[in-house]
Amino acid sequence: MNIIVCVKQVPNTTEIKIDPVTNTLVREGVESILNPFDTYAVEEAVRLKEKFGGKVTIVSMGPPQVEAVLREAISLGADEIILLSDRKFAGADTWATSYTLAAAIKKIGEFDLIITGQQAIDGDTAQVGPGIAAHLKLPQTCFVRKVDNLEGKKMLVERLMEDGSDKVEMQLPALISVVKEINTPRLPSLRGKMKAKSAELLVWNCSDLGLEEKLVGLNGSPTQVMRIFTPKHDKLTEKFDGDPDEAVEKIITTLNNITK
């Protein structure tokens, strides 16, 4: 079973810096980590590989420093790592990001399942996974908390809902995004860490994927941040002094006037 996991490197800090020209996050030089939700996606892929055989390929888009989280995924049991890195990819919104990742998956070739984390902690949109499925015209199920059965080209999963859960049968190849309830991620083993150091890293740019510059990065993003500002929280207060009974009457009168 060939599984592809799409992961993201996110800032490990509350000191977020914004590019004043593009109004996008500055990622270069910022301490970063593997997106916590993606650790569950990697773990589930490795578990499925251990049960059914095959391989796990990790794909991520970002600057060269993303190599660190890709090698971390190798230490957790993944087999291959691919980095999509090009200045032309910078500033991509969820549409352009999913488009680029989908192009990389097409280049990889045959696969049975794509797994993503529920969402990234720096954007919280939960749109990239479904976007990849849309670009590749694949069936998808989001918020998966359990893989019940996998037989032949059919997969049965349990999906978390606001009022409980339901079960969905999917035809493979397909895409699922998983929630943290699906498993408990393992810690990297010593053997895994040694393997991570020597693992080959494939780096693909815009030309390697055969993509037009106008369709990727900031140029290919239909949604763009026009302005960033801190909202003001002004509070109007009024103090009522004097006799408590009179103060209560004034408060009641004031509240009645506000609600009229």
C-alpha atoms as a PDB file:
ATOM      1  CA  MET A   1       0.000   0.000   0.000  1.00  0.00           C
ATOM      2  CA  ASN A   2       1.495   3.307  -1.099  1.00  0.00           C
ATOM      3  CA  ILE A   3       0.587   6.182   1.197  1.00  0.00           C
ATOM      4  CA  ILE A   4       1.412   9.866   0.731  1.00  0.00           C
ATOM      5  CA  VAL A   5       1.336  12.188   3.731  1.00  0.00           C
ATOM      6  CA  CYS A   6       1.318  15.958   3.239  1.00  0.00           C
ATOM      7  CA  VAL A   7       2.825  17.832   6.180  1.00  0.00           C
ATOM      8  CA  LYS A   8       3.632  21.422   7.028  1.00  0.00           C
ATOM      9  CA  GLN A   9       6.305  23.174   9.049  1.00  0.00           C
ATOM     10  CA  VAL A  10       4.805  25.833  11.331  1.00  0.00           C
ATOM     11  CA  PRO A  11       6.336  28.542  13.561  1.00  0.00           C
ATOM     12  CA  ASN A  12       7.110  27.365  17.090  1.00  0.00           C
ATOM     13  CA  THR A  13       6.623  30.813  18.538  1.00  0.00           C
ATOM     14  CA  THR A  14       4.108  33.515  19.359  1.00  0.00           C
ATOM     15  CA  GLU A  15       6.505  36.109  17.939  1.00  0.00           C
ATOM     16  CA  ILE A  16       4.947  36.109  14.491  1.00  0.00           C
ATOM     17  CA  LYS A  17       6.574  38.374  11.896  1.00  0.00           C
ATOM     18  CA  ILE A  18       4.699  39.693   8.881  1.00  0.00           C
ATOM     19  CA  ASP A  19       6.266  40.729   5.579  1.00  0.00           C
ATOM     20  CA  PRO A  20       5.188  44.383   5.171  1.00  0.00           C
ATOM     21  CA  VAL A  21       5.091  44.060   1.366  1.00  0.00           C
ATOM     22  CA  THR A  22       3.214  40.771   0.864  1.00  0.00           C
ATOM     23  CA  ASN A  23       1.376  40.670   4.228  1.00  0.00           C
ATOM     24  CA  THR A  24       2.360  37.004   4.585  1.00  0.00           C
ATOM     25  CA  LEU A  25       4.159  35.173   7.392  1.00  0.00           C
ATOM     26  CA  VAL A  26       7.941  35.429   7.452  1.00  0.00           C
ATOM     27  CA  ARG A  27       9.150  31.824   7.819  1.00  0.00           C
ATOM     28  CA  GLU A  28      12.858  32.084   7.045  1.00  0.00           C
ATOM     29  CA  GLY A  29      14.977  32.174  10.183  1.00  0.00           C
ATOM     30  CA  VAL A  30      12.030  31.435  12.486  1.00  0.00           C
ATOM     31  CA  GLU A  31      12.215  28.401  14.783  1.00  0.00           C
ATOM     32  CA  SER A  32       9.731  25.901  13.395  1.00  0.00           C
ATOM     33  CA  ILE A  33       8.248  22.488  14.165  1.00  0.00           C
ATOM     34  CA  LEU A  34       6.255  19.782  12.431  1.00  0.00           C
ATOM     35  CA  ASN A  35       2.610  20.845  12.552  1.00  0.00           C
ATOM     36  CA  PRO A  36       1.215  18.944  15.585  1.00  0.00           C
ATOM     37  CA  PHE A  37      -1.878  17.732  13.712  1.00  0.00           C
ATOM     38  CA  ASP A  38       0.371  16.261  11.027  1.00  0.00           C
ATOM     39  CA  THR A  39       2.116  13.991  13.548  1.00  0.00           C
ATOM     40  CA  TYR A  40      -1.133  12.000  13.749  1.00  0.00           C
ATOM     41  CA  ALA A  41      -1.237  11.717   9.953  1.00  0.00           C
ATOM     42  CA  VAL A  42       2.338  10.396   9.855  1.00  0.00           C
ATOM     43  CA  GLU A  43       1.640   7.925  12.665  1.00  0.00           C
ATOM     44  CA  GLU A  44      -1.495   6.582  10.991  1.00  0.00           C
ATOM     45  CA  ALA A  45       0.320   6.148   7.685  1.00  0.00           C
ATOM     46  CA  VAL A  46       3.135   4.212   9.372  1.00  0.00           C
ATOM     47  CA  ARG A  47       0.627   1.999  11.206  1.00  0.00           C
ATOM     48  CA  LEU A  48      -1.175   1.195   7.958  1.00  0.00           C
ATOM     49  CA  LYS A  49       2.167   0.385   6.309  1.00  0.00           C
ATOM     50  CA  GLU A  50       3.112  -1.923   9.179  1.00  0.00           C
ATOM     51  CA  LYS A  51      -0.217  -3.722   8.848  1.00  0.00           C
ATOM     52  CA  PHE A  52      -0.626  -3.916   5.077  1.00  0.00           C
ATOM     53  CA  GLY A  53       2.888  -3.346   3.720  1.00  0.00           C
ATOM     54  CA  GLY A  54       3.948  -0.745   1.159  1.00  0.00           C
ATOM     55  CA  LYS A  55       5.668   2.569   1.738  1.00  0.00           C
ATOM     56  CA  VAL A  56       5.044   6.033   3.174  1.00  0.00           C
ATOM     57  CA  THR A  57       6.115   9.138   1.250  1.00  0.00           C
ATOM     58  CA  ILE A  58       6.144  12.517   2.996  1.00  0.00           C
ATOM     59  CA  VAL A  59       5.628  15.698   0.964  1.00  0.00           C
ATOM     60  CA  SER A  60       5.933  19.286   2.163  1.00  0.00           C
ATOM     61  CA  MET A  61       6.126  22.722   0.563  1.00  0.00           C
ATOM     62  CA  GLY A  62       8.264  25.501   1.982  1.00  0.00           C
ATOM     63  CA  PRO A  63      11.757  26.980   2.333  1.00  0.00           C
ATOM     64  CA  PRO A  64      14.886  24.778   2.639  1.00  0.00           C
ATOM     65  CA  GLN A  65      14.570  24.664   6.443  1.00  0.00           C
ATOM     66  CA  VAL A  66      11.538  22.358   6.050  1.00  0.00           C
ATOM     67  CA  GLU A  67      14.073  19.559   5.542  1.00  0.00           C
ATOM     68  CA  ALA A  68      14.262  19.249   9.339  1.00  0.00           C
ATOM     69  CA  VAL A  69      10.624  18.175   9.765  1.00  0.00           C
ATOM     70  CA  LEU A  70      10.847  15.867   6.767  1.00  0.00           C
ATOM     71  CA  ARG A  71      13.778  14.040   8.338  1.00  0.00           C
ATOM     72  CA  GLU A  72      11.806  13.909  11.586  1.00  0.00           C
ATOM     73  CA  ALA A  73       9.080  12.045   9.684  1.00  0.00           C
ATOM     74  CA  ILE A  74      11.699   9.529   8.502  1.00  0.00           C
ATOM     75  CA  SER A  75      12.708   8.930  12.119  1.00  0.00           C
ATOM     76  CA  LEU A  76       9.054   8.148  12.876  1.00  0.00           C
ATOM     77  CA  GLY A  77       8.857   5.428  10.232  1.00  0.00           C
ATOM     78  CA  ALA A  78       8.348   7.110   6.854  1.00  0.00           C
ATOM     79  CA  ASP A  79      10.310   5.860   3.837  1.00  0.00           C
ATOM     80  CA  GLU A  80      10.717   8.753   1.381  1.00  0.00           C
ATOM     81  CA  ILE A  81      10.741  12.548   1.683  1.00  0.00           C
ATOM     82  CA  ILE A  82      10.081  15.222  -0.933  1.00  0.00           C
ATOM     83  CA  LEU A  83      10.446  18.984  -0.486  1.00  0.00           C
ATOM     84  CA  LEU A  84       8.717  21.432  -2.827  1.00  0.00           C
ATOM     85  CA  SER A  85      10.870  24.534  -2.558  1.00  0.00           C
ATOM     86  CA  ASP A  86      10.952  27.541  -4.860  1.00  0.00           C
ATOM     87  CA  ARG A  87      10.711  31.294  -4.290  1.00  0.00           C
ATOM     88  CA  LYS A  88       7.816  31.188  -6.754  1.00  0.00           C
ATOM     89  CA  PHE A  89       5.820  29.141  -4.221  1.00  0.00           C
ATOM     90  CA  ALA A  90       6.075  31.875  -1.547  1.00  0.00           C
ATOM     91  CA  GLY A  91       2.904  33.554  -0.316  1.00  0.00           C
ATOM     92  CA  ALA A  92       0.596  30.770  -1.490  1.00  0.00           C
ATOM     93  CA  ASP A  93      -2.904  30.636  -0.044  1.00  0.00           C
ATOM     94  CA  THR A  94      -4.695  27.312   0.534  1.00  0.00           C
ATOM     95  CA  TRP A  95      -5.769  27.074  -3.120  1.00  0.00           C
ATOM     96  CA  ALA A  96      -2.276  27.595  -4.563  1.00  0.00           C
ATOM     97  CA  THR A  97      -0.763  25.349  -1.882  1.00  0.00           C
ATOM     98  CA  SER A  98      -3.142  22.461  -2.592  1.00  0.00           C
ATOM     99  CA  TYR A  99      -2.618  22.959  -6.344  1.00  0.00           C
ATOM    100  CA  THR A 100       1.160  22.664  -5.967  1.00  0.00           C
ATOM    101  CA  LEU A 101       0.947  19.644  -3.662  1.00  0.00           C
ATOM    102  CA  ALA A 102      -1.471  17.960  -6.070  1.00  0.00           C
ATOM    103  CA  ALA A 103       1.013  18.497  -8.922  1.00  0.00           C
ATOM    104  CA  ALA A 104       3.739  16.849  -6.828  1.00  0.00           C
ATOM    105  CA  ILE A 105       1.485  13.890  -6.075  1.00  0.00           C
ATOM    106  CA  LYS A 106       0.819  13.457  -9.802  1.00  0.00           C
ATOM    107  CA  LYS A 107       4.578  13.434 -10.372  1.00  0.00           C
ATOM    108  CA  ILE A 108       5.063  10.788  -7.665  1.00  0.00           C
ATOM    109  CA  GLY A 109       2.730   8.510  -9.577  1.00  0.00           C
ATOM    110  CA  GLU A 110       0.732   5.549  -8.283  1.00  0.00           C
ATOM    111  CA  PHE A 111      -0.661   5.722  -4.738  1.00  0.00           C
ATOM    112  CA  ASP A 112      -3.521   4.278  -2.704  1.00  0.00           C
ATOM    113  CA  LEU A 113      -4.124   6.869  -0.010  1.00  0.00           C
ATOM    114  CA  ILE A 114      -3.288  10.469   0.864  1.00  0.00           C
ATOM    115  CA  ILE A 115      -3.382  11.506   4.528  1.00  0.00           C
ATOM    116  CA  THR A 116      -3.244  15.023   5.946  1.00  0.00           C
ATOM    117  CA  GLY A 117      -3.631  16.446   9.405  1.00  0.00           C
ATOM    118  CA  GLN A 118      -6.903  18.091  10.372  1.00  0.00           C
ATOM    119  CA  GLN A 119      -5.442  21.574   9.910  1.00  0.00           C
ATOM    120  CA  ALA A 120      -2.309  23.657  10.449  1.00  0.00           C
ATOM    121  CA  ILE A 121      -1.973  25.561  13.708  1.00  0.00           C
ATOM    122  CA  ASP A 122      -0.741  28.717  11.957  1.00  0.00           C
ATOM    123  CA  GLY A 123      -3.700  29.026   9.581  1.00  0.00           C
ATOM    124  CA  ASP A 124      -6.497  26.890  11.071  1.00  0.00           C
ATOM    125  CA  THR A 125      -8.325  26.743   7.729  1.00  0.00           C
ATOM    126  CA  ALA A 126      -8.529  22.940   7.259  1.00  0.00           C
ATOM    127  CA  GLN A 127      -8.745  23.620   3.511  1.00  0.00           C
ATOM    128  CA  VAL A 128      -5.535  22.198   2.030  1.00  0.00           C
ATOM    129  CA  GLY A 129      -6.469  18.520   2.363  1.00  0.00           C
ATOM    130  CA  PRO A 130      -9.870  18.935   0.685  1.00  0.00           C
ATOM    131  CA  GLY A 131      -8.211  21.198  -1.893  1.00  0.00           C
ATOM    132  CA  ILE A 132      -5.755  18.459  -2.870  1.00  0.00           C
ATOM    133  CA  ALA A 133      -8.640  16.005  -3.262  1.00  0.00           C
ATOM    134  CA  ALA A 134     -10.519  18.498  -5.435  1.00  0.00           C
ATOM    135  CA  HIS A 135      -7.512  19.081  -7.721  1.00  0.00           C
ATOM    136  CA  LEU A 136      -6.952  15.330  -8.082  1.00  0.00           C
ATOM    137  CA  LYS A 137     -10.686  14.526  -8.314  1.00  0.00           C
ATOM    138  CA  LEU A 138     -10.453  12.049  -5.439  1.00  0.00           C
ATOM    139  CA  PRO A 139     -13.063  10.979  -2.875  1.00  0.00           C
ATOM    140  CA  GLN A 140     -12.318  12.518   0.512  1.00  0.00           C
ATOM    141  CA  THR A 141     -13.374  12.282   4.136  1.00  0.00           C
ATOM    142  CA  CYS A 142     -12.351  14.870   6.724  1.00  0.00           C
ATOM    143  CA  PHE A 143     -12.023  14.633  10.515  1.00  0.00           C
ATOM    144  CA  VAL A 144     -11.367  10.877  10.464  1.00  0.00           C
ATOM    145  CA  ARG A 145     -10.849   9.450  13.947  1.00  0.00           C
ATOM    146  CA  LYS A 146     -10.590   5.749  13.088  1.00  0.00           C
ATOM    147  CA  VAL A 147      -9.803   3.507  10.152  1.00  0.00           C
ATOM    148  CA  ASP A 148     -12.205   0.607  10.693  1.00  0.00           C
ATOM    149  CA  ASN A 149     -11.354  -1.605   7.762  1.00  0.00           C
ATOM    150  CA  LEU A 150      -9.264  -1.704   4.606  1.00  0.00           C
ATOM    151  CA  GLU A 151      -9.956  -4.433   2.096  1.00  0.00           C
ATOM    152  CA  GLY A 152      -9.033  -4.424  -1.568  1.00  0.00           C
ATOM    153  CA  LYS A 153      -9.895  -1.033  -2.996  1.00  0.00           C
ATOM    154  CA  LYS A 154     -12.396  -0.129  -0.277  1.00  0.00           C
ATOM    155  CA  MET A 155     -11.786   1.654   2.988  1.00  0.00           C
ATOM    156  CA  LEU A 156     -14.183   2.104   5.928  1.00  0.00           C
ATOM    157  CA  VAL A 157     -13.508   5.059   8.231  1.00  0.00           C
ATOM    158  CA  GLU A 158     -15.199   6.680  11.205  1.00  0.00           C
ATOM    159  CA  ARG A 159     -15.678  10.426  10.903  1.00  0.00           C
ATOM    160  CA  LEU A 160     -16.015  12.797  13.845  1.00  0.00           C
ATOM    161  CA  MET A 161     -19.145  14.954  13.708  1.00  0.00           C
ATOM    162  CA  GLU A 162     -20.461  17.741  15.934  1.00  0.00           C
ATOM    163  CA  ASP A 163     -23.180  15.459  17.322  1.00  0.00           C
ATOM    164  CA  GLY A 164     -21.269  12.184  17.359  1.00  0.00           C
ATOM    165  CA  SER A 165     -19.732  10.211  14.502  1.00  0.00           C
ATOM    166  CA  ASP A 166     -20.651   8.372  11.326  1.00  0.00           C
ATOM    167  CA  LYS A 167     -19.038   5.711   9.157  1.00  0.00           C
ATOM    168  CA  VAL A 168     -18.042   6.301   5.558  1.00  0.00           C
ATOM    169  CA  GLU A 169     -17.009   3.717   2.972  1.00  0.00           C
ATOM    170  CA  MET A 170     -14.562   5.076   0.411  1.00  0.00           C
ATOM    171  CA  GLN A 171     -13.245   3.804  -2.886  1.00  0.00           C
ATOM    172  CA  LEU A 172      -9.440   3.986  -3.164  1.00  0.00           C
ATOM    173  CA  PRO A 173      -7.418   5.928  -4.114  1.00  0.00           C
ATOM    174  CA  ALA A 174      -8.762   8.569  -1.743  1.00  0.00           C
ATOM    175  CA  LEU A 175      -7.788  11.292   0.728  1.00  0.00           C
ATOM    176  CA  ILE A 176      -8.499  11.532   4.435  1.00  0.00           C
ATOM    177  CA  SER A 177      -7.678  14.216   6.975  1.00  0.00           C
ATOM    178  CA  VAL A 178      -7.307  12.922  10.527  1.00  0.00           C
ATOM    179  CA  VAL A 179      -7.976  14.297  13.996  1.00  0.00           C
ATOM    180  CA  LYS A 180      -5.877  13.742  17.109  1.00  0.00           C
ATOM    181  CA  GLU A 181      -8.271  11.097  18.458  1.00  0.00           C
ATOM    182  CA  ILE A 182      -7.104   8.644  15.792  1.00  0.00           C
ATOM    183  CA  ASN A 183      -3.888   7.548  17.540  1.00  0.00           C
ATOM    184  CA  THR A 184      -1.011   8.384  19.855  1.00  0.00           C
ATOM    185  CA  PRO A 185       2.106   9.344  17.858  1.00  0.00           C
ATOM    186  CA  ARG A 186       5.236   7.355  18.658  1.00  0.00           C
ATOM    187  CA  LEU A 187       8.600   8.774  19.615  1.00  0.00           C
ATOM    188  CA  PRO A 188      11.465   8.433  17.141  1.00  0.00           C
ATOM    189  CA  SER A 189      13.657   5.372  17.666  1.00  0.00           C
ATOM    190  CA  LEU A 190      17.473   5.439  17.624  1.00  0.00           C
ATOM    191  CA  ARG A 191      17.423   3.413  14.412  1.00  0.00           C
ATOM    192  CA  GLY A 192      14.907   5.880  12.979  1.00  0.00           C
ATOM    193  CA  LYS A 193      17.127   8.834  13.839  1.00  0.00           C
ATOM    194  CA  MET A 194      20.111   7.191  12.171  1.00  0.00           C
ATOM    195  CA  LYS A 195      18.023   6.468   9.070  1.00  0.00           C
ATOM    196  CA  ALA A 196      16.807  10.073   9.007  1.00  0.00           C
ATOM    197  CA  LYS A 197      20.354  11.416   8.798  1.00  0.00           C
ATOM    198  CA  SER A 198      21.200   9.443   5.678  1.00  0.00           C
ATOM    199  CA  ALA A 199      17.801   9.500   3.923  1.00  0.00           C
ATOM    200  CA  GLU A 200      17.784  10.982   0.425  1.00  0.00           C
ATOM    201  CA  LEU A 201      15.858  14.222   0.119  1.00  0.00           C
ATOM    202  CA  LEU A 202      14.240  15.008  -3.217  1.00  0.00           C
ATOM    203  CA  VAL A 203      13.779  18.738  -3.875  1.00  0.00           C
ATOM    204  CA  TRP A 204      11.392  19.803  -6.630  1.00  0.00           C
ATOM    205  CA  ASN A 205      10.888  23.359  -7.864  1.00  0.00           C
ATOM    206  CA  CYS A 206       8.266  24.967 -10.089  1.00  0.00           C
ATOM    207  CA  SER A 207       9.958  23.800 -13.300  1.00  0.00           C
ATOM    208  CA  ASP A 208      10.292  20.232 -12.013  1.00  0.00           C
ATOM    209  CA  LEU A 209       6.530  20.116 -11.519  1.00  0.00           C
ATOM    210  CA  GLY A 210       5.842  21.692 -14.905  1.00  0.00           C
ATOM    211  CA  LEU A 211       3.763  24.494 -13.372  1.00  0.00           C
ATOM    212  CA  GLU A 212       3.192  28.001 -14.673  1.00  0.00           C
ATOM    213  CA  GLU A 213       4.458  30.775 -12.419  1.00  0.00           C
ATOM    214  CA  LYS A 214       1.130  32.591 -12.582  1.00  0.00           C
ATOM    215  CA  LEU A 215      -0.638  29.602 -10.999  1.00  0.00           C
ATOM    216  CA  VAL A 216       1.542  29.155  -7.909  1.00  0.00           C
ATOM    217  CA  GLY A 217       2.554  31.159  -4.853  1.00  0.00           C
ATOM    218  CA  LEU A 218       1.200  34.649  -4.372  1.00  0.00           C
ATOM    219  CA  ASN A 219       0.483  34.999  -8.097  1.00  0.00           C
ATOM    220  CA  GLY A 220      -1.780  31.952  -8.097  1.00  0.00           C
ATOM    221  CA  SER A 221      -3.614  32.821  -4.876  1.00  0.00           C
ATOM    222  CA  PRO A 222      -7.198  34.079  -5.345  1.00  0.00           C
ATOM    223  CA  THR A 223      -7.258  35.195  -1.708  1.00  0.00           C
ATOM    224  CA  GLN A 224      -4.687  37.703  -0.505  1.00  0.00           C
ATOM    225  CA  VAL A 225      -4.207  39.648   2.722  1.00  0.00           C
ATOM    226  CA  MET A 226      -4.671  43.343   1.951  1.00  0.00           C
ATOM    227  CA  ARG A 227      -4.175  44.756   5.434  1.00  0.00           C
ATOM    228  CA  ILE A 228      -3.151  43.538   8.879  1.00  0.00           C
ATOM    229  CA  PHE A 229      -4.061  45.405  12.057  1.00  0.00           C
ATOM    230  CA  THR A 230      -4.708  44.854  15.743  1.00  0.00           C
ATOM    231  CA  PRO A 231      -8.383  45.380  16.589  1.00  0.00           C
ATOM    232  CA  LYS A 232      -9.173  47.988  19.219  1.00  0.00           C
ATOM    233  CA  HIS A 233     -11.139  46.907  22.261  1.00  0.00           C
ATOM    234  CA  ASP A 234     -12.576  50.104  23.689  1.00  0.00           C
ATOM    235  CA  LYS A 235     -14.712  49.748  26.794  1.00  0.00           C
ATOM    236  CA  LEU A 236     -17.126  52.470  27.864  1.00  0.00           C
ATOM    237  CA  THR A 237     -17.522  52.514  31.635  1.00  0.00           C
ATOM    238  CA  GLU A 238     -19.638  54.527  33.988  1.00  0.00           C
ATOM    239  CA  LYS A 239     -19.288  54.683  37.765  1.00  0.00           C
ATOM    240  CA  PHE A 240     -22.322  55.124  40.028  1.00  0.00           C
ATOM    241  CA  ASP A 241     -21.484  56.667  43.420  1.00  0.00           C
ATOM    242  CA  GLY A 242     -23.669  57.502  46.358  1.00  0.00           C
ATOM    243  CA  ASP A 243     -26.384  55.567  48.143  1.00  0.00           C
ATOM    244  CA  PRO A 244     -26.531  51.877  47.088  1.00  0.00           C
ATOM    245  CA  ASP A 245     -30.285  51.967  46.479  1.00  0.00           C
ATOM    246  CA  GLU A 246     -29.981  55.064  44.314  1.00  0.00           C
ATOM    247  CA  ALA A 247     -27.037  53.524  42.446  1.00  0.00           C
ATOM    248  CA  VAL A 248     -29.099  50.396  41.697  1.00  0.00           C
ATOM    249  CA  GLU A 249     -31.919  52.534  40.300  1.00  0.00           C
ATOM    250  CA  LYS A 250     -29.459  54.414  38.097  1.00  0.00           C
ATOM    251  CA  ILE A 251     -27.965  51.162  36.818  1.00  0.00           C
ATOM    252  CA  ILE A 252     -31.428  49.746  35.989  1.00  0.00           C
ATOM    253  CA  THR A 253     -32.402  52.950  34.194  1.00  0.00           C
ATOM    254  CA  THR A 254     -29.150  52.973  32.230  1.00  0.00           C
ATOM    255  CA  LEU A 255     -29.493  49.338  31.182  1.00  0.00           C
ATOM    256  CA  ASN A 256     -33.109  49.894  30.111  1.00  0.00           C
ATOM    257  CA  ASN A 257     -32.051  52.821  27.936  1.00  0.00           C
ATOM    258  CA  ILE A 258     -29.333  50.711  26.316  1.00  0.00           C
ATOM    259  CA  THR A 259     -31.723  47.887  25.423  1.00  0.00           C
ATOM    260  CA  LYS A 260     -34.399  50.152  23.950  1.00  0.00           C
END
